[in-house]
N, C-alpha and C. Protein backbone atom coordinates (compact mmCIF):
# COMPACT_ATOMS: atom_id res chain seq x y z
N MET A 1 -8.02 58.41 77.26
CA MET A 1 -6.58 58.10 76.47
C MET A 1 -6.10 59.67 75.86
N ASN A 2 -4.67 59.62 76.27
CA ASN A 2 -4.33 60.91 75.28
C ASN A 2 -3.80 60.60 74.20
N MET A 3 -3.22 61.34 73.20
CA MET A 3 -2.55 61.37 72.33
C MET A 3 -1.73 60.21 72.20
N SER A 4 -0.84 60.73 72.82
CA SER A 4 0.56 59.58 72.79
C SER A 4 -0.06 58.02 73.13
N GLU A 5 -0.64 58.01 74.04
CA GLU A 5 -1.12 57.08 74.61
C GLU A 5 -1.92 55.97 73.36
N GLU A 6 -2.78 56.77 72.59
CA GLU A 6 -3.16 56.39 71.21
C GLU A 6 -2.59 55.98 70.16
N ILE A 7 -1.43 56.62 70.10
CA ILE A 7 -0.45 56.74 69.27
C ILE A 7 0.00 55.05 69.56
N ARG A 8 0.57 54.85 70.92
CA ARG A 8 1.50 53.96 71.12
C ARG A 8 0.64 52.37 70.90
N THR A 9 -0.74 52.67 71.54
CA THR A 9 -1.76 51.39 71.25
C THR A 9 -1.81 50.87 69.86
N ARG A 10 -1.92 51.94 68.79
CA ARG A 10 -2.18 51.80 67.37
C ARG A 10 -0.85 51.12 66.84
N LEU A 11 -0.08 51.62 67.42
CA LEU A 11 1.84 51.01 66.61
C LEU A 11 2.16 49.70 67.47
N GLN A 12 1.91 49.67 68.54
CA GLN A 12 1.73 48.27 69.14
C GLN A 12 0.93 47.02 68.52
N GLN A 13 -0.29 47.31 68.24
CA GLN A 13 -1.45 46.71 67.76
C GLN A 13 -1.02 46.26 66.23
N ALA A 14 -0.57 47.50 65.38
CA ALA A 14 -0.08 46.87 63.87
C ALA A 14 1.22 46.23 63.90
N PHE A 15 2.32 46.45 64.64
CA PHE A 15 3.46 46.25 64.31
C PHE A 15 4.20 45.26 65.61
N ALA A 16 3.70 44.98 66.75
CA ALA A 16 4.15 44.42 67.75
C ALA A 16 5.82 44.51 67.59
N PRO A 17 6.09 45.90 68.05
CA PRO A 17 7.68 46.49 67.77
C PRO A 17 8.53 46.12 68.97
N GLU A 18 9.93 45.76 69.04
CA GLU A 18 10.55 45.17 69.84
C GLU A 18 10.82 46.68 70.66
N ARG A 19 10.68 47.72 70.16
CA ARG A 19 11.19 49.17 71.08
C ARG A 19 10.21 50.08 70.28
N LEU A 20 9.70 51.15 71.20
CA LEU A 20 8.87 52.20 70.72
C LEU A 20 8.93 52.94 71.86
N VAL A 21 9.17 54.17 71.10
CA VAL A 21 9.29 55.52 72.21
C VAL A 21 8.13 56.48 71.60
N VAL A 22 6.89 56.92 72.38
CA VAL A 22 6.30 58.15 71.71
C VAL A 22 6.50 59.19 72.40
N THR A 23 6.87 60.66 71.83
CA THR A 23 7.56 61.67 72.65
C THR A 23 6.32 62.94 72.39
N ASP A 24 5.66 63.52 73.20
CA ASP A 24 5.01 64.42 72.92
C ASP A 24 6.29 65.62 72.90
N GLU A 25 6.24 66.51 71.66
CA GLU A 25 7.12 67.41 71.71
C GLU A 25 6.67 68.40 71.20
N SER A 26 5.54 68.98 71.59
CA SER A 26 4.63 70.01 71.28
C SER A 26 5.06 71.47 71.95
N GLU A 27 5.61 71.16 73.23
CA GLU A 27 6.01 72.22 74.16
C GLU A 27 7.40 73.18 73.40
N ARG A 28 8.20 72.16 72.73
CA ARG A 28 9.24 72.55 71.83
C ARG A 28 8.71 73.54 70.68
N HIS A 29 7.85 73.42 70.38
CA HIS A 29 6.98 74.15 68.74
C HIS A 29 6.06 75.28 69.49
N ARG A 30 6.32 75.51 70.71
CA ARG A 30 5.36 76.96 71.38
C ARG A 30 5.65 78.12 70.49
N GLY A 31 4.54 78.42 69.97
CA GLY A 31 4.57 79.96 69.15
C GLY A 31 4.93 79.37 67.46
N HIS A 32 5.33 78.23 67.21
CA HIS A 32 5.14 78.08 65.80
C HIS A 32 3.71 77.54 65.23
N ALA A 33 3.45 77.10 63.86
CA ALA A 33 2.49 76.73 63.32
C ALA A 33 2.02 75.35 63.74
N GLY A 34 1.02 75.46 64.03
CA GLY A 34 0.06 74.02 64.56
C GLY A 34 0.30 73.96 65.95
N TYR A 35 1.05 74.98 66.86
CA TYR A 35 1.00 74.55 68.25
C TYR A 35 0.02 74.88 69.04
N ARG A 36 -0.47 73.84 69.59
CA ARG A 36 -2.06 74.14 70.53
C ARG A 36 -1.43 74.38 72.06
N GLU A 37 -2.24 75.11 72.52
CA GLU A 37 -2.02 75.20 74.24
C GLU A 37 -2.51 73.82 74.76
N GLY A 38 -1.76 73.01 75.66
CA GLY A 38 -2.46 72.06 75.84
C GLY A 38 -1.37 70.76 75.20
N GLY A 39 -0.46 70.88 74.40
CA GLY A 39 0.30 69.91 73.77
C GLY A 39 -0.67 69.42 72.50
N GLU A 40 -0.05 68.12 72.19
CA GLU A 40 -0.77 66.54 71.83
C GLU A 40 -0.84 67.45 70.15
N SER A 41 0.54 67.98 69.87
CA SER A 41 0.12 68.44 68.11
C SER A 41 1.37 67.87 67.60
N HIS A 42 2.48 67.78 68.26
CA HIS A 42 3.82 67.48 67.70
C HIS A 42 4.67 66.15 68.43
N PHE A 43 4.64 65.34 67.44
CA PHE A 43 5.19 64.19 68.15
C PHE A 43 6.62 63.47 67.82
N ARG A 44 7.03 62.75 68.33
CA ARG A 44 8.26 62.10 67.47
C ARG A 44 8.04 60.43 67.84
N VAL A 45 8.30 59.56 67.20
CA VAL A 45 8.14 58.33 67.52
C VAL A 45 9.15 57.56 67.03
N GLU A 46 9.88 56.78 67.84
CA GLU A 46 11.23 55.86 67.37
C GLU A 46 10.34 54.58 67.63
N ILE A 47 10.95 53.71 66.42
CA ILE A 47 9.98 52.32 66.49
C ILE A 47 11.11 51.56 65.63
N ALA A 48 11.37 50.02 66.63
CA ALA A 48 12.01 49.19 66.06
C ALA A 48 11.02 47.95 65.48
N ALA A 49 10.86 47.56 64.58
CA ALA A 49 9.61 46.42 64.25
C ALA A 49 10.29 45.66 62.99
N PRO A 50 10.47 44.24 63.63
CA PRO A 50 10.71 43.68 62.32
C PRO A 50 9.51 43.65 61.15
N ALA A 51 8.68 43.78 61.57
CA ALA A 51 7.19 43.63 60.34
C ALA A 51 7.20 44.44 59.72
N LEU A 52 8.05 45.76 59.73
CA LEU A 52 8.77 46.66 59.03
C LEU A 52 9.91 46.45 57.72
N ALA A 53 10.22 45.25 58.47
CA ALA A 53 11.68 44.78 57.59
C ALA A 53 11.53 44.78 56.14
N GLY A 54 12.49 44.80 55.19
CA GLY A 54 12.42 44.64 53.98
C GLY A 54 11.75 45.74 53.23
N GLN A 55 11.15 46.45 53.80
CA GLN A 55 10.52 48.12 53.11
C GLN A 55 11.50 49.06 52.96
N GLY A 56 11.46 49.99 52.38
CA GLY A 56 12.10 51.11 52.06
C GLY A 56 11.49 52.19 53.05
N ARG A 57 12.41 53.14 53.20
CA ARG A 57 12.27 54.44 54.14
C ARG A 57 10.57 54.77 53.61
N LEU A 58 10.22 55.14 52.42
CA LEU A 58 9.13 55.54 52.29
C LEU A 58 7.54 54.72 52.61
N ALA A 59 7.97 53.40 52.37
CA ALA A 59 6.91 52.18 52.53
C ALA A 59 6.95 52.30 54.18
N ARG A 60 7.94 52.41 54.79
CA ARG A 60 7.66 52.26 56.13
C ARG A 60 6.95 53.37 56.91
N HIS A 61 7.38 54.87 56.39
CA HIS A 61 6.64 55.94 56.91
C HIS A 61 5.22 55.79 56.65
N ARG A 62 4.98 55.16 55.27
CA ARG A 62 3.56 55.03 55.19
C ARG A 62 2.68 54.08 55.96
N ALA A 63 3.37 53.04 56.13
CA ALA A 63 2.82 51.93 57.06
C ALA A 63 2.34 52.73 58.38
N VAL A 64 3.71 53.39 59.04
CA VAL A 64 3.01 54.08 60.44
C VAL A 64 1.74 54.87 59.67
N HIS A 65 2.08 55.55 59.11
CA HIS A 65 0.75 56.80 58.57
C HIS A 65 -0.77 56.09 58.75
N ALA A 66 -0.42 54.52 57.77
CA ALA A 66 -1.75 54.07 57.96
C ALA A 66 -2.17 53.21 59.48
N ALA A 67 -1.38 53.16 59.78
CA ALA A 67 -1.51 52.30 61.32
C ALA A 67 -2.45 53.34 62.04
N LEU A 68 -1.81 54.45 62.00
CA LEU A 68 -2.43 55.52 62.94
C LEU A 68 -3.51 55.88 62.44
N GLY A 69 -3.86 55.88 61.16
CA GLY A 69 -5.44 56.05 60.69
C GLY A 69 -5.48 57.75 60.48
N PRO A 70 -6.45 58.14 59.64
CA PRO A 70 -7.08 59.33 59.31
C PRO A 70 -7.00 60.00 60.52
N GLU A 71 -7.85 59.65 61.63
CA GLU A 71 -8.56 59.98 62.63
C GLU A 71 -7.66 60.68 63.34
N ILE A 72 -6.22 59.85 63.63
CA ILE A 72 -4.86 60.20 64.32
C ILE A 72 -4.08 61.48 63.81
N MET A 73 -3.97 61.11 62.63
CA MET A 73 -3.24 62.03 61.59
C MET A 73 -3.95 63.42 61.37
N GLY A 74 -5.17 63.25 61.55
CA GLY A 74 -5.84 64.65 61.34
C GLY A 74 -5.81 65.52 62.34
N ARG A 75 -5.46 65.17 63.35
CA ARG A 75 -5.55 65.80 64.95
C ARG A 75 -4.60 66.10 65.35
N ILE A 76 -3.16 65.80 64.40
CA ILE A 76 -1.67 66.39 64.82
C ILE A 76 -1.49 67.03 63.41
N HIS A 77 -0.34 67.82 64.44
CA HIS A 77 0.38 68.96 63.05
C HIS A 77 1.67 68.16 62.60
N ALA A 78 2.11 67.56 63.66
CA ALA A 78 3.66 66.79 63.04
C ALA A 78 4.15 65.88 63.83
N LEU A 79 4.68 64.73 62.53
CA LEU A 79 4.95 63.48 63.33
C LEU A 79 6.71 63.37 62.68
N ALA A 80 7.11 63.29 63.67
CA ALA A 80 8.62 62.92 63.29
C ALA A 80 9.09 61.34 63.70
N LEU A 81 9.63 60.91 62.62
CA LEU A 81 9.98 59.24 62.54
C LEU A 81 10.96 59.00 62.76
N LYS A 82 11.59 57.78 63.37
CA LYS A 82 13.04 56.86 63.28
C LYS A 82 12.41 55.51 63.34
N ILE A 83 12.85 55.25 62.32
CA ILE A 83 12.40 53.53 62.07
C ILE A 83 13.23 52.76 61.97
N GLU A 84 13.37 51.66 62.72
CA GLU A 84 14.49 50.48 62.48
C GLU A 84 13.43 49.03 62.27
N ALA A 85 13.80 48.55 60.91
CA ALA A 85 13.29 47.55 60.96
C ALA A 85 14.06 46.12 61.28
């Protein structure tokens, strides 16, 4: 399972989102800090999940990071989040 699939699976299990888009943007960061040949270093996640309703922006971001866990967060360099509750 590649990193995009791992991210998608964890977020599906944690939040049962109505919409979830996981994009590997690593190639756009070639030559920048954290870039690794083969990608899987920079990701963008767009998620719409009622489970995150009523939380502030920071709490939603923390919830996503917690759902991914330290093993995934430790293997990627950057994670851009667009969260709708």
